[in-house]
Every structure is written in C-alpha cells, then in structure tokens.
PDB file of all heavy atoms in Angstrom:
ATOM      1  N   LYS A   1    -207.524-112.507 -66.954  1.00  0.00           N
ATOM      2  CA  LYS A   1    -206.130-112.734 -66.578  1.00  0.00           C
ATOM      3  C   LYS A   1    -206.034-113.656 -65.357  1.00  0.00           C
ATOM      4  O   LYS A   1    -205.242-114.605 -65.347  1.00  0.00           O
ATOM      5  CB  LYS A   1    -205.422-111.407 -66.305  1.00  0.00           C
ATOM      6  CG  LYS A   1    -203.947-111.559 -66.062  1.00  0.00           C
ATOM      7  CD  LYS A   1    -203.253-110.213 -65.934  1.00  0.00           C
ATOM      8  CE  LYS A   1    -201.763-110.416 -65.730  1.00  0.00           C
ATOM      9  NZ  LYS A   1    -201.035-109.166 -65.668  1.00  0.00           N
ATOM     10  N   ALA A   2    -206.841-113.391 -64.356  1.00  0.00           N
ATOM     11  CA  ALA A   2    -206.821-114.223 -63.147  1.00  0.00           C
ATOM     12  C   ALA A   2    -207.280-115.642 -63.447  1.00  0.00           C
ATOM     13  O   ALA A   2    -206.706-116.617 -62.931  1.00  0.00           O
ATOM     14  CB  ALA A   2    -207.705-113.601 -62.071  1.00  0.00           C
ATOM     15  N   ARG A   3    -208.282-115.796 -64.306  1.00  0.00           N
ATOM     16  CA  ARG A   3    -208.787-117.133 -64.627  1.00  0.00           C
ATOM     17  C   ARG A   3    -207.777-117.916 -65.461  1.00  0.00           C
ATOM     18  O   ARG A   3    -207.624-119.127 -65.277  1.00  0.00           O
ATOM     19  CB  ARG A   3    -210.140-117.042 -65.340  1.00  0.00           C
ATOM     20  CG  ARG A   3    -210.774-118.373 -65.620  1.00  0.00           C
ATOM     21  CD  ARG A   3    -211.125-119.135 -64.356  1.00  0.00           C
ATOM     22  NE  ARG A   3    -211.784-120.385 -64.717  1.00  0.00           N
ATOM     23  CZ  ARG A   3    -211.670-121.510 -64.046  1.00  0.00           C
ATOM     24  NH1 ARG A   3    -210.972-121.561 -62.936  1.00  0.00           N
ATOM     25  NH2 ARG A   3    -212.291-122.583 -64.461  1.00  0.00           N
ATOM     26  N   VAL A   4    -207.087-117.256 -66.377  1.00  0.00           N
ATOM     27  CA  VAL A   4    -206.026-117.932 -67.139  1.00  0.00           C
ATOM     28  C   VAL A   4    -204.967-118.444 -66.176  1.00  0.00           C
ATOM     29  O   VAL A   4    -204.511-119.591 -66.287  1.00  0.00           O
ATOM     30  CB  VAL A   4    -205.408-117.003 -68.215  1.00  0.00           C
ATOM     31  CG1 VAL A   4    -204.119-117.587 -68.773  1.00  0.00           C
ATOM     32  CG2 VAL A   4    -206.400-116.765 -69.347  1.00  0.00           C
ATOM     33  N   ALA A   5    -204.581-117.621 -65.208  1.00  0.00           N
ATOM     34  CA  ALA A   5    -203.590-118.043 -64.204  1.00  0.00           C
ATOM     35  C   ALA A   5    -204.104-119.248 -63.417  1.00  0.00           C
ATOM     36  O   ALA A   5    -203.354-120.200 -63.167  1.00  0.00           O
ATOM     37  CB  ALA A   5    -203.260-116.884 -63.271  1.00  0.00           C
ATOM     38  N   GLU A   6    -205.379-119.239 -63.036  1.00  0.00           N
ATOM     39  CA  GLU A   6    -205.979-120.359 -62.308  1.00  0.00           C
ATOM     40  C   GLU A   6    -205.958-121.633 -63.134  1.00  0.00           C
ATOM     41  O   GLU A   6    -205.632-122.710 -62.628  1.00  0.00           O
ATOM     42  CB  GLU A   6    -207.427-120.043 -61.926  1.00  0.00           C
ATOM     43  CG  GLU A   6    -207.606-118.990 -60.873  1.00  0.00           C
ATOM     44  CD  GLU A   6    -209.072-118.579 -60.719  1.00  0.00           C
ATOM     45  OE1 GLU A   6    -209.977-119.257 -61.261  1.00  0.00           O
ATOM     46  OE2 GLU A   6    -209.307-117.565 -60.054  1.00  0.00           O
ATOM     47  N   LEU A   7    -206.326-121.520 -64.403  1.00  0.00           N
ATOM     48  CA  LEU A   7    -206.358-122.692 -65.275  1.00  0.00           C
ATOM     49  C   LEU A   7    -204.954-123.252 -65.505  1.00  0.00           C
ATOM     50  O   LEU A   7    -204.766-124.477 -65.511  1.00  0.00           O
ATOM     51  CB  LEU A   7    -207.040-122.354 -66.601  1.00  0.00           C
ATOM     52  CG  LEU A   7    -208.553-122.124 -66.504  1.00  0.00           C
ATOM     53  CD1 LEU A   7    -209.078-121.476 -67.774  1.00  0.00           C
ATOM     54  CD2 LEU A   7    -209.285-123.426 -66.219  1.00  0.00           C
ATOM     55  N   LEU A   8    -203.983-122.367 -65.698  1.00  0.00           N
ATOM     56  CA  LEU A   8    -202.604-122.834 -65.869  1.00  0.00           C
ATOM     57  C   LEU A   8    -202.136-123.563 -64.609  1.00  0.00           C
ATOM     58  O   LEU A   8    -201.519-124.630 -64.698  1.00  0.00           O
ATOM     59  CB  LEU A   8    -201.679-121.665 -66.204  1.00  0.00           C
ATOM     60  CG  LEU A   8    -201.807-121.124 -67.624  1.00  0.00           C
ATOM     61  CD1 LEU A   8    -201.010-119.834 -67.778  1.00  0.00           C
ATOM     62  CD2 LEU A   8    -201.362-122.156 -68.646  1.00  0.00           C
ATOM     63  N   ASP A   9    -202.448-123.014 -63.461  1.00  0.00           N
ATOM     64  CA  ASP A   9    -202.085-123.667 -62.202  1.00  0.00           C
ATOM     65  C   ASP A   9    -202.784-125.024 -62.077  1.00  0.00           C
ATOM     66  O   ASP A   9    -202.173-126.002 -61.658  1.00  0.00           O
ATOM     67  CB  ASP A   9    -202.451-122.763 -61.024  1.00  0.00           C
ATOM     68  CG  ASP A   9    -202.031-123.347 -59.696  1.00  0.00           C
ATOM     69  OD1 ASP A   9    -200.823-123.617 -59.518  1.00  0.00           O
ATOM     70  OD2 ASP A   9    -202.903-123.546 -58.828  1.00  0.00           O
ATOM     71  N   LEU A  10    -204.025-125.080 -62.464  1.00  0.00           N
ATOM     72  CA  LEU A  10    -204.811-126.312 -62.386  1.00  0.00           C
ATOM     73  C   LEU A  10    -204.183-127.450 -63.193  1.00  0.00           C
ATOM     74  O   LEU A  10    -204.239-128.610 -62.782  1.00  0.00           O
ATOM     75  CB  LEU A  10    -206.236-126.039 -62.871  1.00  0.00           C
ATOM     76  CG  LEU A  10    -207.247-127.165 -62.741  1.00  0.00           C
ATOM     77  CD1 LEU A  10    -207.506-127.490 -61.264  1.00  0.00           C
ATOM     78  CD2 LEU A  10    -208.545-126.781 -63.421  1.00  0.00           C
ATOM     79  N   VAL A  11    -203.570-127.109 -64.328  1.00  0.00           N
ATOM     80  CA  VAL A  11    -202.954-128.144 -65.174  1.00  0.00           C
ATOM     81  C   VAL A  11    -201.454-128.288 -64.923  1.00  0.00           C
ATOM     82  O   VAL A  11    -200.755-128.969 -65.671  1.00  0.00           O
ATOM     83  CB  VAL A  11    -203.237-127.901 -66.677  1.00  0.00           C
ATOM     84  CG1 VAL A  11    -204.733-127.959 -66.961  1.00  0.00           C
ATOM     85  CG2 VAL A  11    -202.638-126.588 -67.165  1.00  0.00           C
ATOM     86  N   GLY A  12    -200.945-127.641 -63.881  1.00  0.00           N
ATOM     87  CA  GLY A  12    -199.553-127.825 -63.500  1.00  0.00           C
ATOM     88  C   GLY A  12    -198.554-126.930 -64.205  1.00  0.00           C
ATOM     89  O   GLY A  12    -197.364-127.246 -64.253  1.00  0.00           O
ATOM     90  N   LEU A  13    -199.023-125.805 -64.729  1.00  0.00           N
ATOM     91  CA  LEU A  13    -198.126-124.830 -65.352  1.00  0.00           C
ATOM     92  C   LEU A  13    -198.135-123.548 -64.526  1.00  0.00           C
ATOM     93  O   LEU A  13    -198.969-123.367 -63.645  1.00  0.00           O
ATOM     94  CB  LEU A  13    -198.558-124.551 -66.794  1.00  0.00           C
ATOM     95  CG  LEU A  13    -198.465-125.747 -67.748  1.00  0.00           C
ATOM     96  CD1 LEU A  13    -199.087-125.408 -69.095  1.00  0.00           C
ATOM     97  CD2 LEU A  13    -197.028-126.197 -67.928  1.00  0.00           C
ATOM     98  N   LEU A  14    -197.207-122.669 -64.817  1.00  0.00           N
ATOM     99  CA  LEU A  14    -197.074-121.428 -64.058  1.00  0.00           C
ATOM    100  C   LEU A  14    -197.851-120.284 -64.726  1.00  0.00           C
ATOM    101  O   LEU A  14    -197.942-120.233 -65.957  1.00  0.00           O
ATOM    102  CB  LEU A  14    -195.601-121.036 -63.951  1.00  0.00           C
ATOM    103  CG  LEU A  14    -194.700-122.062 -63.257  1.00  0.00           C
ATOM    104  CD1 LEU A  14    -193.241-121.637 -63.376  1.00  0.00           C
ATOM    105  CD2 LEU A  14    -195.102-122.236 -61.812  1.00  0.00           C
ATOM    106  N   PRO A  15    -198.385-119.358 -63.940  1.00  0.00           N
ATOM    107  CA  PRO A  15    -199.117-118.221 -64.518  1.00  0.00           C
ATOM    108  C   PRO A  15    -198.289-117.428 -65.529  1.00  0.00           C
ATOM    109  O   PRO A  15    -198.824-116.935 -66.525  1.00  0.00           O
ATOM    110  CB  PRO A  15    -199.471-117.366 -63.304  1.00  0.00           C
ATOM    111  CG  PRO A  15    -199.507-118.320 -62.175  1.00  0.00           C
ATOM    112  CD  PRO A  15    -198.436-119.348 -62.479  1.00  0.00           C
ATOM    113  N   GLU A  16    -196.978-117.310 -65.305  1.00  0.00           N
ATOM    114  CA  GLU A  16    -196.144-116.551 -66.248  1.00  0.00           C
ATOM    115  C   GLU A  16    -196.004-117.236 -67.608  1.00  0.00           C
ATOM    116  O   GLU A  16    -195.560-116.622 -68.576  1.00  0.00           O
ATOM    117  CB  GLU A  16    -194.769-116.235 -65.652  1.00  0.00           C
ATOM    118  CG  GLU A  16    -194.015-117.405 -65.108  1.00  0.00           C
ATOM    119  CD  GLU A  16    -194.216-117.620 -63.604  1.00  0.00           C
ATOM    120  OE1 GLU A  16    -195.229-117.178 -63.041  1.00  0.00           O
ATOM    121  OE2 GLU A  16    -193.351-118.246 -63.003  1.00  0.00           O
ATOM    122  N   HIS A  17    -196.409-118.498 -67.714  1.00  0.00           N
ATOM    123  CA  HIS A  17    -196.394-119.188 -69.002  1.00  0.00           C
ATOM    124  C   HIS A  17    -197.412-118.594 -69.978  1.00  0.00           C
ATOM    125  O   HIS A  17    -197.335-118.836 -71.177  1.00  0.00           O
ATOM    126  CB  HIS A  17    -196.663-120.680 -68.821  1.00  0.00           C
ATOM    127  CG  HIS A  17    -195.519-121.413 -68.201  1.00  0.00           C
ATOM    128  ND1 HIS A  17    -195.686-122.558 -67.474  1.00  0.00           N
ATOM    129  CD2 HIS A  17    -194.183-121.164 -68.197  1.00  0.00           C
ATOM    130  CE1 HIS A  17    -194.516-122.993 -67.046  1.00  0.00           C
ATOM    131  NE2 HIS A  17    -193.585-122.159 -67.476  1.00  0.00           N
ATOM    132  N   ALA A  18    -198.355-117.808 -69.472  1.00  0.00           N
ATOM    133  CA  ALA A  18    -199.379-117.204 -70.326  1.00  0.00           C
ATOM    134  C   ALA A  18    -198.789-116.285 -71.384  1.00  0.00           C
ATOM    135  O   ALA A  18    -199.398-116.069 -72.431  1.00  0.00           O
ATOM    136  CB  ALA A  18    -200.381-116.432 -69.463  1.00  0.00           C
ATOM    137  N   ASP A  19    -197.590-115.755 -71.145  1.00  0.00           N
ATOM    138  CA  ASP A  19    -196.967-114.826 -72.093  1.00  0.00           C
ATOM    139  C   ASP A  19    -196.116-115.519 -73.162  1.00  0.00           C
ATOM    140  O   ASP A  19    -195.544-114.852 -74.012  1.00  0.00           O
ATOM    141  CB  ASP A  19    -196.095-113.816 -71.342  1.00  0.00           C
ATOM    142  CG  ASP A  19    -196.916-112.888 -70.474  1.00  0.00           C
ATOM    143  OD1 ASP A  19    -198.044-112.541 -70.876  1.00  0.00           O
ATOM    144  OD2 ASP A  19    -196.442-112.524 -69.382  1.00  0.00           O
ATOM    145  N   ARG A  20    -196.051-116.823 -73.126  1.00  0.00           N
ATOM    146  CA  ARG A  20    -195.223-117.573 -74.082  1.00  0.00           C
ATOM    147  C   ARG A  20    -196.047-118.078 -75.257  1.00  0.00           C
ATOM    148  O   ARG A  20    -197.271-118.074 -75.239  1.00  0.00           O
ATOM    149  CB  ARG A  20    -194.561-118.761 -73.392  1.00  0.00           C
ATOM    150  CG  ARG A  20    -193.575-118.361 -72.317  1.00  0.00           C
ATOM    151  CD  ARG A  20    -192.874-119.589 -71.803  1.00  0.00           C
ATOM    152  NE  ARG A  20    -192.008-119.288 -70.671  1.00  0.00           N
ATOM    153  CZ  ARG A  20    -191.338-120.208 -70.010  1.00  0.00           C
ATOM    154  NH1 ARG A  20    -191.438-121.484 -70.338  1.00  0.00           N
ATOM    155  NH2 ARG A  20    -190.567-119.859 -69.001  1.00  0.00           N
ATOM    156  N   TYR A  21    -195.320-118.572 -76.273  1.00  0.00           N
ATOM    157  CA  TYR A  21    -195.932-119.161 -77.464  1.00  0.00           C
ATOM    158  C   TYR A  21    -195.881-120.684 -77.360  1.00  0.00           C
ATOM    159  O   TYR A  21    -195.013-121.235 -76.668  1.00  0.00           O
ATOM    160  CB  TYR A  21    -195.184-118.709 -78.718  1.00  0.00           C
ATOM    161  CG  TYR A  21    -195.368-117.244 -79.016  1.00  0.00           C
ATOM    162  CD1 TYR A  21    -194.437-116.303 -78.570  1.00  0.00           C
ATOM    163  CD2 TYR A  21    -196.468-116.791 -79.735  1.00  0.00           C
ATOM    164  CE1 TYR A  21    -194.595-114.953 -78.831  1.00  0.00           C
ATOM    165  CE2 TYR A  21    -196.640-115.439 -80.006  1.00  0.00           C
ATOM    166  CZ  TYR A  21    -195.699-114.531 -79.552  1.00  0.00           C
ATOM    167  OH  TYR A  21    -195.860-113.197 -79.808  1.00  0.00           O
ATOM    168  N   PRO A  22    -196.777-121.390 -78.062  1.00  0.00           N
ATOM    169  CA  PRO A  22    -196.814-122.857 -77.975  1.00  0.00           C
ATOM    170  C   PRO A  22    -195.477-123.546 -78.276  1.00  0.00           C
ATOM    171  O   PRO A  22    -195.143-124.544 -77.637  1.00  0.00           O
ATOM    172  CB  PRO A  22    -197.869-123.256 -79.008  1.00  0.00           C
ATOM    173  CG  PRO A  22    -198.746-122.074 -79.132  1.00  0.00           C
ATOM    174  CD  PRO A  22    -197.853-120.874 -78.908  1.00  0.00           C
ATOM    175  N   HIS A  23    -194.704-123.021 -79.219  1.00  0.00           N
ATOM    176  CA  HIS A  23    -193.459-123.694 -79.582  1.00  0.00           C
ATOM    177  C   HIS A  23    -192.417-123.674 -78.458  1.00  0.00           C
ATOM    178  O   HIS A  23    -191.434-124.391 -78.516  1.00  0.00           O
ATOM    179  CB  HIS A  23    -192.858-123.087 -80.864  1.00  0.00           C
ATOM    180  CG  HIS A  23    -192.231-121.736 -80.660  1.00  0.00           C
ATOM    181  ND1 HIS A  23    -192.967-120.570 -80.745  1.00  0.00           N
ATOM    182  CD2 HIS A  23    -190.959-121.382 -80.360  1.00  0.00           C
ATOM    183  CE1 HIS A  23    -192.148-119.549 -80.506  1.00  0.00           C
ATOM    184  NE2 HIS A  23    -190.928-120.010 -80.268  1.00  0.00           N
ATOM    185  N   GLN A  24    -192.658-122.890 -77.431  1.00  0.00           N
ATOM    186  CA  GLN A  24    -191.721-122.779 -76.321  1.00  0.00           C
ATOM    187  C   GLN A  24    -191.975-123.840 -75.240  1.00  0.00           C
ATOM    188  O   GLN A  24    -191.333-123.815 -74.205  1.00  0.00           O
ATOM    189  CB  GLN A  24    -191.798-121.376 -75.708  1.00  0.00           C
ATOM    190  CG  GLN A  24    -191.350-120.286 -76.670  1.00  0.00           C
ATOM    191  CD  GLN A  24    -191.523-118.901 -76.091  1.00  0.00           C
ATOM    192  OE1 GLN A  24    -192.639-118.424 -75.925  1.00  0.00           O
ATOM    193  NE2 GLN A  24    -190.411-118.270 -75.780  1.00  0.00           N
ATOM    194  N   PHE A  25    -192.877-124.760 -75.511  1.00  0.00           N
ATOM    195  CA  PHE A  25    -193.233-125.798 -74.548  1.00  0.00           C
ATOM    196  C   PHE A  25    -192.975-127.186 -75.112  1.00  0.00           C
ATOM    197  O   PHE A  25    -192.986-127.383 -76.321  1.00  0.00           O
ATOM    198  CB  PHE A  25    -194.725-125.682 -74.181  1.00  0.00           C
ATOM    199  CG  PHE A  25    -195.070-124.416 -73.468  1.00  0.00           C
ATOM    200  CD1 PHE A  25    -195.488-123.295 -74.168  1.00  0.00           C
ATOM    201  CD2 PHE A  25    -194.971-124.327 -72.090  1.00  0.00           C
ATOM    202  CE1 PHE A  25    -195.816-122.123 -73.518  1.00  0.00           C
ATOM    203  CE2 PHE A  25    -195.285-123.152 -71.427  1.00  0.00           C
ATOM    204  CZ  PHE A  25    -195.710-122.044 -72.136  1.00  0.00           C
ATOM    205  N   SER A  26    -192.810-128.137 -74.213  1.00  0.00           N
ATOM    206  CA  SER A  26    -192.688-129.544 -74.612  1.00  0.00           C
ATOM    207  C   SER A  26    -194.063-130.040 -75.053  1.00  0.00           C
ATOM    208  O   SER A  26    -195.081-129.368 -74.836  1.00  0.00           O
ATOM    209  CB  SER A  26    -192.189-130.382 -73.442  1.00  0.00           C
ATOM    210  OG  SER A  26    -193.199-130.486 -72.443  1.00  0.00           O
ATOM    211  N   GLY A  27    -194.110-131.211 -75.633  1.00  0.00           N
ATOM    212  CA  GLY A  27    -195.379-131.784 -76.066  1.00  0.00           C
ATOM    213  C   GLY A  27    -196.359-131.967 -74.918  1.00  0.00           C
ATOM    214  O   GLY A  27    -197.547-131.683 -75.040  1.00  0.00           O
ATOM    215  N   GLY A  28    -195.853-132.440 -73.778  1.00  0.00           N
ATOM    216  CA  GLY A  28    -196.717-132.629 -72.619  1.00  0.00           C
ATOM    217  C   GLY A  28    -197.258-131.323 -72.078  1.00  0.00           C
ATOM    218  O   GLY A  28    -198.419-131.237 -71.664  1.00  0.00           O
ATOM    219  N   GLN A  29    -196.426-130.296 -72.086  1.00  0.00           N
ATOM    220  CA  GLN A  29    -196.882-128.986 -71.632  1.00  0.00           C
ATOM    221  C   GLN A  29    -197.920-128.405 -72.585  1.00  0.00           C
ATOM    222  O   GLN A  29    -198.897-127.788 -72.160  1.00  0.00           O
ATOM    223  CB  GLN A  29    -195.699-128.027 -71.499  1.00  0.00           C
ATOM    224  CG  GLN A  29    -194.784-128.358 -70.341  1.00  0.00           C
ATOM    225  CD  GLN A  29    -193.523-127.525 -70.369  1.00  0.00           C
ATOM    226  OE1 GLN A  29    -192.900-127.337 -71.422  1.00  0.00           O
ATOM    227  NE2 GLN A  29    -193.137-127.018 -69.206  1.00  0.00           N
TER     228      GLN A  29
END
C-alpha cells in the first residue's frame, strides 16, 4: 500500500487514486 502511494506520487498522481478504475482517468493519467 505504501509503495503504491509512493509510485503514484512519483508519476504525479494522488495516493487516493489507487481506489479508482482506469476509465475514471484521462489518457495522460
């Protein structure tokens, strides 16, 4: 869980994005 949050932060996304599905994001995200 902590590493997923770190990786999301590393690519410019928020840790809470981990609970979403791919269709809820733009192409760039």
